[in-house]
């Protein structure tokens, strides 16, 4: 059984997008008989790498999934946030030798476009399970 850590960005609380993404992620984990060992809620997508790193350090977690939605604002700030989150999560994955999947949608999306992409929560979990299984060390069948 693959054991997952889940990081959920809460920035767009006025929209049900991240809650729906989390729900889809949990459904996919159940469907694939994976266990979500711990969930950490963070203020926004920019904050996901630190929480992902904390989870990736744990021996009881095989992979980490980061979920969030970056909605377009009046400036290019959404692009800055998306770039920083993606790079930070990549760094965690490589530094910790643990799969960390990017279930953060955006930037440059409206609320309607984000709503249409809530299935990315499930896709990120499926990717994490696939990577954890593929990269499992030989003889390690937990």
N, C-alpha and C. Protein backbone atom coordinates (compact mmCIF):
# COMPACT_ATOMS: atom_id res chain seq x y z
N UNK A 1 0.84 -1.17 0.00
CA UNK A 1 0.00 0.00 0.00
C UNK A 1 0.89 1.25 0.00
N UNK A 2 0.60 2.18 -0.87
CA UNK A 2 1.33 3.44 -0.94
C UNK A 2 0.78 4.38 0.12
N UNK A 3 1.70 5.02 0.83
CA UNK A 3 1.34 5.95 1.90
C UNK A 3 1.65 7.37 1.44
N UNK A 4 0.64 8.22 1.47
CA UNK A 4 0.77 9.57 0.93
C UNK A 4 0.68 10.64 1.99
N UNK A 5 1.38 11.74 1.73
CA UNK A 5 1.18 12.99 2.46
C UNK A 5 0.47 13.93 1.52
N UNK A 6 -0.45 14.72 2.04
CA UNK A 6 -1.26 15.62 1.22
C UNK A 6 -1.09 17.04 1.76
N UNK A 7 -0.76 17.97 0.87
CA UNK A 7 -0.65 19.39 1.21
C UNK A 7 -1.74 20.11 0.42
N UNK A 8 -2.58 20.86 1.14
CA UNK A 8 -3.70 21.54 0.50
C UNK A 8 -3.61 23.04 0.76
N UNK A 9 -3.44 23.81 -0.31
CA UNK A 9 -3.40 25.27 -0.21
C UNK A 9 -4.81 25.81 -0.05
N UNK A 10 -4.98 26.75 0.87
CA UNK A 10 -6.31 27.25 1.22
C UNK A 10 -6.60 28.66 0.71
N UNK A 11 -5.77 29.24 -0.14
CA UNK A 11 -5.89 30.65 -0.48
C UNK A 11 -7.26 31.03 -1.03
N UNK A 12 -7.82 30.26 -1.91
CA UNK A 12 -9.10 30.60 -2.54
C UNK A 12 -10.28 29.97 -1.80
N UNK A 13 -10.38 30.25 -0.51
CA UNK A 13 -11.44 29.65 0.32
C UNK A 13 -12.84 30.07 -0.12
N UNK A 14 -12.97 31.24 -0.75
CA UNK A 14 -14.30 31.69 -1.19
C UNK A 14 -14.83 30.83 -2.33
N UNK A 15 -13.97 30.10 -2.95
CA UNK A 15 -14.34 29.20 -4.04
C UNK A 15 -14.18 27.76 -3.56
N UNK A 16 -15.07 26.88 -3.95
CA UNK A 16 -14.96 25.49 -3.51
C UNK A 16 -13.92 24.67 -4.29
N UNK A 17 -13.12 25.31 -5.11
CA UNK A 17 -12.20 24.59 -6.00
C UNK A 17 -11.24 23.70 -5.22
N UNK A 18 -10.51 24.23 -4.25
CA UNK A 18 -9.52 23.40 -3.57
C UNK A 18 -10.19 22.31 -2.72
N UNK A 19 -11.34 22.60 -2.15
CA UNK A 19 -12.07 21.57 -1.40
C UNK A 19 -12.48 20.43 -2.32
N UNK A 20 -12.93 20.77 -3.51
CA UNK A 20 -13.30 19.73 -4.48
C UNK A 20 -12.08 18.96 -4.97
N UNK A 21 -10.97 19.66 -5.16
CA UNK A 21 -9.75 18.98 -5.56
C UNK A 21 -9.31 17.99 -4.48
N UNK A 22 -9.39 18.42 -3.22
CA UNK A 22 -9.03 17.53 -2.12
C UNK A 22 -9.96 16.32 -2.07
N UNK A 23 -11.24 16.55 -2.27
CA UNK A 23 -12.20 15.45 -2.27
C UNK A 23 -11.88 14.45 -3.38
N UNK A 24 -11.58 14.94 -4.56
CA UNK A 24 -11.23 14.05 -5.68
C UNK A 24 -9.92 13.30 -5.39
N UNK A 25 -8.99 13.98 -4.75
CA UNK A 25 -7.71 13.34 -4.39
C UNK A 25 -7.96 12.19 -3.43
N UNK A 26 -8.80 12.42 -2.41
CA UNK A 26 -9.10 11.37 -1.43
C UNK A 26 -9.84 10.19 -2.07
N UNK A 27 -10.75 10.50 -2.97
CA UNK A 27 -11.47 9.43 -3.69
C UNK A 27 -10.50 8.58 -4.50
N UNK A 28 -9.55 9.21 -5.16
CA UNK A 28 -8.57 8.47 -5.97
C UNK A 28 -7.68 7.62 -5.08
N UNK A 29 -7.27 8.16 -3.94
CA UNK A 29 -6.45 7.37 -3.01
C UNK A 29 -7.23 6.13 -2.55
N UNK A 30 -8.49 6.30 -2.20
CA UNK A 30 -9.32 5.16 -1.80
C UNK A 30 -9.47 4.16 -2.94
N UNK A 31 -9.72 4.67 -4.14
CA UNK A 31 -9.91 3.79 -5.30
C UNK A 31 -8.68 2.94 -5.57
N UNK A 32 -7.50 3.52 -5.32
CA UNK A 32 -6.25 2.80 -5.58
C UNK A 32 -5.68 2.14 -4.33
N UNK A 33 -6.46 2.11 -3.27
CA UNK A 33 -6.05 1.47 -2.01
C UNK A 33 -4.76 2.06 -1.46
N UNK A 34 -4.65 3.38 -1.56
CA UNK A 34 -3.52 4.10 -0.95
C UNK A 34 -4.03 4.76 0.32
N UNK A 35 -3.11 5.03 1.23
CA UNK A 35 -3.49 5.66 2.50
C UNK A 35 -2.93 7.08 2.56
N UNK A 36 -3.77 8.03 2.88
CA UNK A 36 -3.30 9.39 3.14
C UNK A 36 -2.98 9.45 4.63
N UNK A 37 -1.69 9.44 4.93
CA UNK A 37 -1.21 9.37 6.31
C UNK A 37 -1.43 10.68 7.05
N UNK A 38 -1.15 11.80 6.37
CA UNK A 38 -1.35 13.11 7.00
C UNK A 38 -1.68 14.15 5.95
N UNK A 39 -2.52 15.10 6.34
CA UNK A 39 -2.86 16.24 5.50
C UNK A 39 -2.43 17.51 6.23
N UNK A 40 -1.74 18.38 5.50
CA UNK A 40 -1.36 19.68 6.05
C UNK A 40 -2.01 20.75 5.19
N UNK A 41 -2.78 21.63 5.83
CA UNK A 41 -3.35 22.77 5.14
C UNK A 41 -2.40 23.95 5.30
N UNK A 42 -2.14 24.65 4.19
CA UNK A 42 -1.26 25.81 4.20
C UNK A 42 -2.03 27.00 3.64
N UNK A 43 -1.57 28.22 3.93
CA UNK A 43 -2.32 29.40 3.47
C UNK A 43 -2.47 29.49 1.95
N UNK A 44 -1.43 29.20 1.20
CA UNK A 44 -1.51 29.33 -0.26
C UNK A 44 -0.53 28.43 -0.96
N UNK A 45 -0.60 28.41 -2.28
CA UNK A 45 0.27 27.54 -3.08
C UNK A 45 1.75 27.83 -2.87
N UNK A 46 2.08 29.09 -2.64
CA UNK A 46 3.46 29.48 -2.39
C UNK A 46 4.02 28.75 -1.17
N UNK A 47 3.16 28.40 -0.24
CA UNK A 47 3.56 27.78 1.02
C UNK A 47 3.66 26.25 0.95
N UNK A 48 3.32 25.66 -0.16
CA UNK A 48 3.30 24.20 -0.26
C UNK A 48 4.67 23.53 -0.16
N UNK A 49 5.76 24.11 -0.68
CA UNK A 49 7.04 23.39 -0.61
C UNK A 49 7.51 23.07 0.81
N UNK A 50 7.38 23.99 1.74
CA UNK A 50 7.83 23.72 3.11
C UNK A 50 7.04 22.57 3.73
N UNK A 51 5.74 22.60 3.58
CA UNK A 51 4.91 21.51 4.12
C UNK A 51 5.23 20.19 3.42
N UNK A 52 5.44 20.24 2.11
CA UNK A 52 5.79 19.03 1.36
C UNK A 52 7.12 18.47 1.85
N UNK A 53 8.06 19.36 2.14
CA UNK A 53 9.36 18.92 2.65
C UNK A 53 9.21 18.22 4.00
N UNK A 54 8.41 18.77 4.88
CA UNK A 54 8.19 18.14 6.19
C UNK A 54 7.61 16.74 6.03
N UNK A 55 6.68 16.58 5.10
CA UNK A 55 6.08 15.27 4.88
C UNK A 55 7.06 14.32 4.21
N UNK A 56 7.84 14.82 3.26
CA UNK A 56 8.79 13.98 2.51
C UNK A 56 9.91 13.45 3.41
N UNK A 57 10.15 14.10 4.53
CA UNK A 57 11.18 13.64 5.48
C UNK A 57 10.74 12.42 6.27
N UNK A 58 9.46 12.18 6.30
CA UNK A 58 8.93 11.11 7.16
C UNK A 58 9.11 9.73 6.54
N UNK A 59 9.47 8.77 7.36
CA UNK A 59 9.66 7.39 6.90
C UNK A 59 8.34 6.70 6.56
N UNK A 60 7.24 7.20 7.10
CA UNK A 60 5.95 6.55 6.87
C UNK A 60 5.20 7.15 5.68
N UNK A 61 5.87 7.96 4.86
CA UNK A 61 5.24 8.56 3.68
C UNK A 61 6.08 8.22 2.45
N UNK A 62 5.43 7.65 1.44
CA UNK A 62 6.11 7.24 0.21
C UNK A 62 6.12 8.32 -0.86
N UNK A 63 5.13 9.20 -0.83
CA UNK A 63 5.02 10.26 -1.83
C UNK A 63 4.15 11.38 -1.26
N UNK A 64 4.33 12.57 -1.81
CA UNK A 64 3.60 13.75 -1.36
C UNK A 64 2.83 14.34 -2.54
N UNK A 65 1.61 14.79 -2.27
CA UNK A 65 0.76 15.43 -3.27
C UNK A 65 0.47 16.85 -2.79
N UNK A 66 0.73 17.84 -3.65
CA UNK A 66 0.41 19.23 -3.33
C UNK A 66 -0.76 19.69 -4.20
N UNK A 67 -1.78 20.24 -3.55
CA UNK A 67 -2.99 20.67 -4.25
C UNK A 67 -3.23 22.15 -3.97
N UNK A 68 -3.60 22.87 -5.01
CA UNK A 68 -3.93 24.28 -4.85
C UNK A 68 -4.48 24.83 -6.16
N UNK A 69 -4.97 26.06 -6.10
CA UNK A 69 -5.48 26.75 -7.28
C UNK A 69 -4.96 28.18 -7.28
N UNK A 70 -4.34 28.56 -8.37
CA UNK A 70 -3.82 29.92 -8.50
C UNK A 70 -4.69 30.63 -9.53
N UNK A 71 -5.51 31.54 -9.03
CA UNK A 71 -6.47 32.26 -9.86
C UNK A 71 -5.84 33.60 -10.29
N UNK A 72 -6.13 34.01 -11.51
CA UNK A 72 -5.61 35.25 -12.06
C UNK A 72 -6.07 36.45 -11.24
N UNK A 73 -5.14 37.35 -11.00
CA UNK A 73 -5.46 38.61 -10.33
C UNK A 73 -5.22 39.77 -11.28
N UNK A 74 -5.06 40.94 -10.71
CA UNK A 74 -4.87 42.15 -11.51
C UNK A 74 -3.42 42.36 -11.95
N UNK A 75 -2.49 41.57 -11.40
CA UNK A 75 -1.07 41.71 -11.73
C UNK A 75 -0.53 40.36 -12.17
N UNK A 76 0.78 40.29 -12.40
CA UNK A 76 1.43 39.04 -12.78
C UNK A 76 1.83 38.22 -11.55
N UNK A 77 1.34 38.60 -10.39
CA UNK A 77 1.71 37.91 -9.15
C UNK A 77 1.39 36.41 -9.20
N UNK A 78 0.32 36.05 -9.90
CA UNK A 78 -0.05 34.63 -9.98
C UNK A 78 1.04 33.81 -10.67
N UNK A 79 1.69 34.37 -11.67
CA UNK A 79 2.79 33.68 -12.37
C UNK A 79 3.98 33.50 -11.44
N UNK A 80 4.29 34.52 -10.66
CA UNK A 80 5.40 34.44 -9.70
C UNK A 80 5.13 33.33 -8.68
N UNK A 81 3.92 33.28 -8.16
CA UNK A 81 3.54 32.26 -7.17
C UNK A 81 3.65 30.86 -7.79
N UNK A 82 3.12 30.70 -8.99
CA UNK A 82 3.14 29.39 -9.66
C UNK A 82 4.57 28.92 -9.91
N UNK A 83 5.41 29.81 -10.40
CA UNK A 83 6.80 29.44 -10.66
C UNK A 83 7.53 29.04 -9.38
N UNK A 84 7.34 29.82 -8.32
CA UNK A 84 8.01 29.53 -7.05
C UNK A 84 7.52 28.21 -6.46
N UNK A 85 6.23 27.96 -6.51
CA UNK A 85 5.69 26.71 -5.97
C UNK A 85 6.20 25.51 -6.75
N UNK A 86 6.15 25.59 -8.06
CA UNK A 86 6.61 24.47 -8.89
C UNK A 86 8.08 24.18 -8.67
N UNK A 87 8.91 25.22 -8.65
CA UNK A 87 10.35 25.02 -8.42
C UNK A 87 10.60 24.47 -7.02
N UNK A 88 9.91 25.02 -6.03
CA UNK A 88 10.09 24.56 -4.66
C UNK A 88 9.71 23.10 -4.49
N UNK A 89 8.60 22.69 -5.10
CA UNK A 89 8.18 21.29 -4.99
C UNK A 89 9.13 20.36 -5.73
N UNK A 90 9.65 20.81 -6.87
CA UNK A 90 10.66 20.02 -7.59
C UNK A 90 11.91 19.84 -6.74
N UNK A 91 12.33 20.91 -6.10
CA UNK A 91 13.52 20.85 -5.23
C UNK A 91 13.30 19.86 -4.09
N UNK A 92 12.13 19.88 -3.48
CA UNK A 92 11.84 18.94 -2.38
C UNK A 92 11.93 17.51 -2.88
N UNK A 93 11.33 17.24 -4.01
CA UNK A 93 11.34 15.89 -4.56
C UNK A 93 12.76 15.39 -4.79
N UNK A 94 13.58 16.24 -5.39
CA UNK A 94 14.96 15.84 -5.69
C UNK A 94 15.81 15.77 -4.43
N UNK A 95 15.66 16.74 -3.53
CA UNK A 95 16.46 16.76 -2.30
C UNK A 95 16.13 15.60 -1.38
N UNK A 96 14.87 15.21 -1.33
CA UNK A 96 14.42 14.15 -0.41
C UNK A 96 14.31 12.79 -1.09
N UNK A 97 14.54 12.73 -2.41
CA UNK A 97 14.41 11.48 -3.16
C UNK A 97 13.04 10.85 -2.90
N UNK A 98 12.03 11.70 -2.91
CA UNK A 98 10.65 11.28 -2.66
C UNK A 98 9.77 11.92 -3.73
N UNK A 99 8.87 11.16 -4.36
CA UNK A 99 7.97 11.78 -5.34
C UNK A 99 7.11 12.86 -4.69
N UNK A 100 7.08 14.01 -5.33
CA UNK A 100 6.20 15.11 -4.93
C UNK A 100 5.48 15.54 -6.20
N UNK A 101 4.17 15.36 -6.24
CA UNK A 101 3.43 15.67 -7.45
C UNK A 101 2.74 17.03 -7.34
N UNK A 102 2.63 17.67 -8.49
CA UNK A 102 2.10 19.03 -8.60
C UNK A 102 0.62 18.97 -8.99
N UNK A 103 -0.24 19.12 -8.00
CA UNK A 103 -1.68 19.20 -8.24
C UNK A 103 -2.15 20.63 -8.08
N UNK A 104 -1.28 21.57 -8.40
CA UNK A 104 -1.63 22.98 -8.32
C UNK A 104 -2.02 23.44 -9.72
N UNK A 105 -3.23 23.93 -9.84
CA UNK A 105 -3.71 24.39 -11.14
C UNK A 105 -3.52 25.90 -11.26
N UNK A 106 -3.31 26.35 -12.48
CA UNK A 106 -3.07 27.76 -12.74
C UNK A 106 -1.61 27.95 -13.08
N UNK A 107 -1.18 29.14 -13.27
CA UNK A 107 -1.86 30.42 -13.09
C UNK A 107 -2.67 30.79 -14.32
N UNK A 108 -3.07 32.06 -14.33
CA UNK A 108 -3.76 32.62 -15.49
C UNK A 108 -5.08 31.93 -15.75
N UNK A 109 -5.82 31.65 -14.67
CA UNK A 109 -7.13 30.98 -14.78
C UNK A 109 -8.20 31.82 -14.10
N UNK A 110 -9.40 31.75 -14.65
CA UNK A 110 -10.56 32.32 -13.98
C UNK A 110 -11.09 31.28 -12.99
N UNK A 111 -12.04 31.68 -12.17
CA UNK A 111 -12.66 30.72 -11.25
C UNK A 111 -13.36 29.61 -12.04
N UNK A 112 -14.01 29.95 -13.14
CA UNK A 112 -14.68 28.93 -13.95
C UNK A 112 -13.69 27.94 -14.55
N UNK A 113 -12.55 28.45 -15.02
CA UNK A 113 -11.53 27.56 -15.57
C UNK A 113 -10.95 26.66 -14.48
N UNK A 114 -10.77 27.21 -13.29
CA UNK A 114 -10.28 26.40 -12.17
C UNK A 114 -11.29 25.31 -11.81
N UNK A 115 -12.56 25.68 -11.77
CA UNK A 115 -13.61 24.70 -11.45
C UNK A 115 -13.60 23.54 -12.45
N UNK A 116 -13.30 23.83 -13.70
CA UNK A 116 -13.27 22.78 -14.73
C UNK A 116 -12.07 21.85 -14.57
N UNK A 117 -11.13 22.21 -13.70
CA UNK A 117 -9.91 21.41 -13.54
C UNK A 117 -9.79 20.75 -12.17
N UNK A 118 -10.87 20.60 -11.45
CA UNK A 118 -10.79 20.01 -10.11
C UNK A 118 -10.32 18.56 -10.14
N UNK A 119 -10.45 17.90 -11.27
CA UNK A 119 -9.97 16.51 -11.36
C UNK A 119 -8.44 16.41 -11.28
N UNK A 120 -7.75 17.54 -11.34
CA UNK A 120 -6.29 17.50 -11.20
C UNK A 120 -5.88 17.00 -9.82
N UNK A 121 -6.76 17.11 -8.84
CA UNK A 121 -6.47 16.54 -7.52
C UNK A 121 -6.32 15.04 -7.60
N UNK A 122 -7.23 14.39 -8.32
CA UNK A 122 -7.16 12.94 -8.50
C UNK A 122 -5.96 12.56 -9.36
N UNK A 123 -5.69 13.34 -10.39
CA UNK A 123 -4.56 13.04 -11.28
C UNK A 123 -3.24 13.13 -10.53
N UNK A 124 -3.12 14.09 -9.62
CA UNK A 124 -1.89 14.23 -8.84
C UNK A 124 -1.69 13.04 -7.92
N UNK A 125 -2.77 12.53 -7.33
CA UNK A 125 -2.67 11.34 -6.48
C UNK A 125 -2.29 10.12 -7.32
N UNK A 126 -2.93 9.96 -8.46
CA UNK A 126 -2.59 8.83 -9.34
C UNK A 126 -1.13 8.87 -9.75
N UNK A 127 -0.62 10.05 -10.05
CA UNK A 127 0.79 10.19 -10.42
C UNK A 127 1.71 9.85 -9.25
N UNK A 128 1.34 10.30 -8.06
CA UNK A 128 2.16 10.01 -6.87
C UNK A 128 2.22 8.51 -6.61
N UNK A 129 1.09 7.85 -6.73
CA UNK A 129 1.05 6.40 -6.51
C UNK A 129 1.90 5.69 -7.56
N UNK A 130 1.76 6.11 -8.81
CA UNK A 130 2.52 5.50 -9.90
C UNK A 130 4.03 5.70 -9.69
N UNK A 131 4.43 6.91 -9.34
CA UNK A 131 5.86 7.17 -9.11
C UNK A 131 6.39 6.40 -7.91
N UNK A 132 5.63 6.38 -6.82
CA UNK A 132 6.09 5.66 -5.63
C UNK A 132 6.24 4.18 -5.92
N UNK A 133 5.34 3.64 -6.70
CA UNK A 133 5.39 2.22 -7.05
C UNK A 133 6.55 1.94 -8.01
N UNK A 134 6.70 2.78 -9.01
CA UNK A 134 7.76 2.61 -10.01
C UNK A 134 9.15 2.76 -9.39
N UNK A 135 9.29 3.72 -8.48
CA UNK A 135 10.60 4.03 -7.91
C UNK A 135 10.87 3.29 -6.61
N UNK A 136 9.98 2.41 -6.22
CA UNK A 136 10.15 1.65 -4.98
C UNK A 136 11.47 0.89 -5.01
N UNK A 137 12.25 1.01 -3.95
CA UNK A 137 13.53 0.27 -3.92
C UNK A 137 13.29 -1.24 -4.03
N UNK A 138 14.18 -1.97 -4.71
CA UNK A 138 14.03 -3.42 -4.82
C UNK A 138 13.94 -4.06 -3.45
N UNK A 139 13.03 -4.99 -3.30
CA UNK A 139 12.87 -5.72 -2.04
C UNK A 139 12.05 -4.99 -1.00
N UNK A 140 11.64 -3.75 -1.27
CA UNK A 140 10.82 -2.97 -0.33
C UNK A 140 9.37 -3.09 -0.72
N UNK A 141 8.65 -3.96 -0.07
CA UNK A 141 7.24 -4.20 -0.41
C UNK A 141 6.38 -3.94 0.80
N UNK A 142 6.35 -2.70 1.26
CA UNK A 142 5.56 -2.34 2.44
C UNK A 142 4.11 -2.22 2.10
